[in-house]
Amino acid sequence: MTIYVKKGDRIKGDRIQCEARKISDPIPIPKSGRHKTQQIILRNNAECEIKKESKHMVGKD
């Protein structure tokens, strides 16, 4: 399993599990049209793991 650690590395998936010592309050951010999403910031030893791959990202490198 690859572990991404460099600045700017991203992970994408349908379900991602994250752990951190500090988590910010959810912030609503606009997306396209009526779609909205929430953003949180993980701090201090943060780590994320993809629990379910995105159907749209499978097979793309």
C-alpha atoms as a PDB file:
ATOM      1  CA  MET A   1       0.000   0.000   0.000  1.00  0.00           C
ATOM      2  CA  THR A   2       1.335   3.438  -0.936  1.00  0.00           C
ATOM      3  CA  ILE A   3       1.430   6.126   1.727  1.00  0.00           C
ATOM      4  CA  TYR A   4       1.275   9.679   0.395  1.00  0.00           C
ATOM      5  CA  VAL A   5       3.225  12.128   2.535  1.00  0.00           C
ATOM      6  CA  LYS A   6       4.331  15.007   0.279  1.00  0.00           C
ATOM      7  CA  LYS A   7       2.673  18.430   0.212  1.00  0.00           C
ATOM      8  CA  GLY A   8      -0.082  18.491  -2.404  1.00  0.00           C
ATOM      9  CA  ASP A   9      -0.705  14.717  -2.440  1.00  0.00           C
ATOM     10  CA  ARG A  10      -4.418  13.906  -2.481  1.00  0.00           C
ATOM     11  CA  ILE A  11      -6.602  10.864  -2.101  1.00  0.00           C
ATOM     12  CA  LYS A  12     -10.076  10.404  -3.560  1.00  0.00           C
ATOM     13  CA  GLY A  13     -12.717   7.785  -2.852  1.00  0.00           C
ATOM     14  CA  ASP A  14     -16.389   7.249  -2.059  1.00  0.00           C
ATOM     15  CA  ARG A  15     -15.636   6.619   1.606  1.00  0.00           C
ATOM     16  CA  ILE A  16     -12.489   7.828   3.375  1.00  0.00           C
ATOM     17  CA  GLN A  17     -11.737   7.253   7.047  1.00  0.00           C
ATOM     18  CA  CYS A  18      -9.641   9.908   8.772  1.00  0.00           C
ATOM     19  CA  GLU A  19      -8.065  10.173  12.191  1.00  0.00           C
ATOM     20  CA  ALA A  20      -6.479  13.177  13.859  1.00  0.00           C
ATOM     21  CA  ARG A  21      -5.863  14.613  17.293  1.00  0.00           C
ATOM     22  CA  LYS A  22      -7.674  17.846  16.400  1.00  0.00           C
ATOM     23  CA  ILE A  23     -10.586  18.303  13.968  1.00  0.00           C
ATOM     24  CA  SER A  24     -12.085  21.672  13.033  1.00  0.00           C
ATOM     25  CA  ASP A  25     -15.803  22.434  12.985  1.00  0.00           C
ATOM     26  CA  PRO A  26     -17.474  21.550   9.658  1.00  0.00           C
ATOM     27  CA  ILE A  27     -17.521  24.450   7.188  1.00  0.00           C
ATOM     28  CA  PRO A  28     -20.154  24.422   4.416  1.00  0.00           C
ATOM     29  CA  ILE A  29     -18.632  25.209   1.017  1.00  0.00           C
ATOM     30  CA  PRO A  30     -20.457  25.706  -2.296  1.00  0.00           C
ATOM     31  CA  LYS A  31     -20.118  23.214  -5.120  1.00  0.00           C
ATOM     32  CA  SER A  32     -21.790  23.204  -8.522  1.00  0.00           C
ATOM     33  CA  GLY A  33     -25.373  24.509  -8.565  1.00  0.00           C
ATOM     34  CA  ARG A  34     -27.434  23.371  -5.587  1.00  0.00           C
ATOM     35  CA  HIS A  35     -24.875  20.794  -4.499  1.00  0.00           C
ATOM     36  CA  LYS A  36     -23.119  21.623  -1.280  1.00  0.00           C
ATOM     37  CA  THR A  37     -20.466  19.875   0.723  1.00  0.00           C
ATOM     38  CA  GLN A  38     -18.672  20.257   4.028  1.00  0.00           C
ATOM     39  CA  GLN A  39     -15.014  20.717   4.763  1.00  0.00           C
ATOM     40  CA  ILE A  40     -13.068  19.926   7.922  1.00  0.00           C
ATOM     41  CA  ILE A  41      -9.402  20.388   8.676  1.00  0.00           C
ATOM     42  CA  LEU A  42      -7.444  17.618  10.395  1.00  0.00           C
ATOM     43  CA  ARG A  43      -4.449  18.699  12.478  1.00  0.00           C
ATOM     44  CA  ASN A  44      -1.631  17.045  14.430  1.00  0.00           C
ATOM     45  CA  ASN A  45      -0.669  13.624  13.135  1.00  0.00           C
ATOM     46  CA  ALA A  46      -3.592  13.383  10.683  1.00  0.00           C
ATOM     47  CA  GLU A  47      -4.072  10.231   8.625  1.00  0.00           C
ATOM     48  CA  CYS A  48      -6.710   9.178   6.060  1.00  0.00           C
ATOM     49  CA  GLU A  49      -7.534   5.815   4.530  1.00  0.00           C
ATOM     50  CA  ILE A  50      -9.782   5.101   1.545  1.00  0.00           C
ATOM     51  CA  LYS A  51     -12.519   2.688   2.639  1.00  0.00           C
ATOM     52  CA  LYS A  52     -14.328   2.525  -0.713  1.00  0.00           C
ATOM     53  CA  GLU A  53     -12.820   3.424  -4.098  1.00  0.00           C
ATOM     54  CA  SER A  54     -14.619   5.955  -6.249  1.00  0.00           C
ATOM     55  CA  LYS A  55     -16.220   4.382  -9.319  1.00  0.00           C
ATOM     56  CA  HIS A  56     -15.006   7.331 -11.381  1.00  0.00           C
ATOM     57  CA  MET A  57     -11.354   6.967 -10.326  1.00  0.00           C
ATOM     58  CA  VAL A  58     -10.853   3.195 -10.786  1.00  0.00           C
ATOM     59  CA  GLY A  59      -8.222   2.391 -13.395  1.00  0.00           C
ATOM     60  CA  LYS A  60      -6.995   5.987 -13.764  1.00  0.00           C
ATOM     61  CA  ASP A  61      -3.366   6.754 -12.977  1.00  0.00           C
END
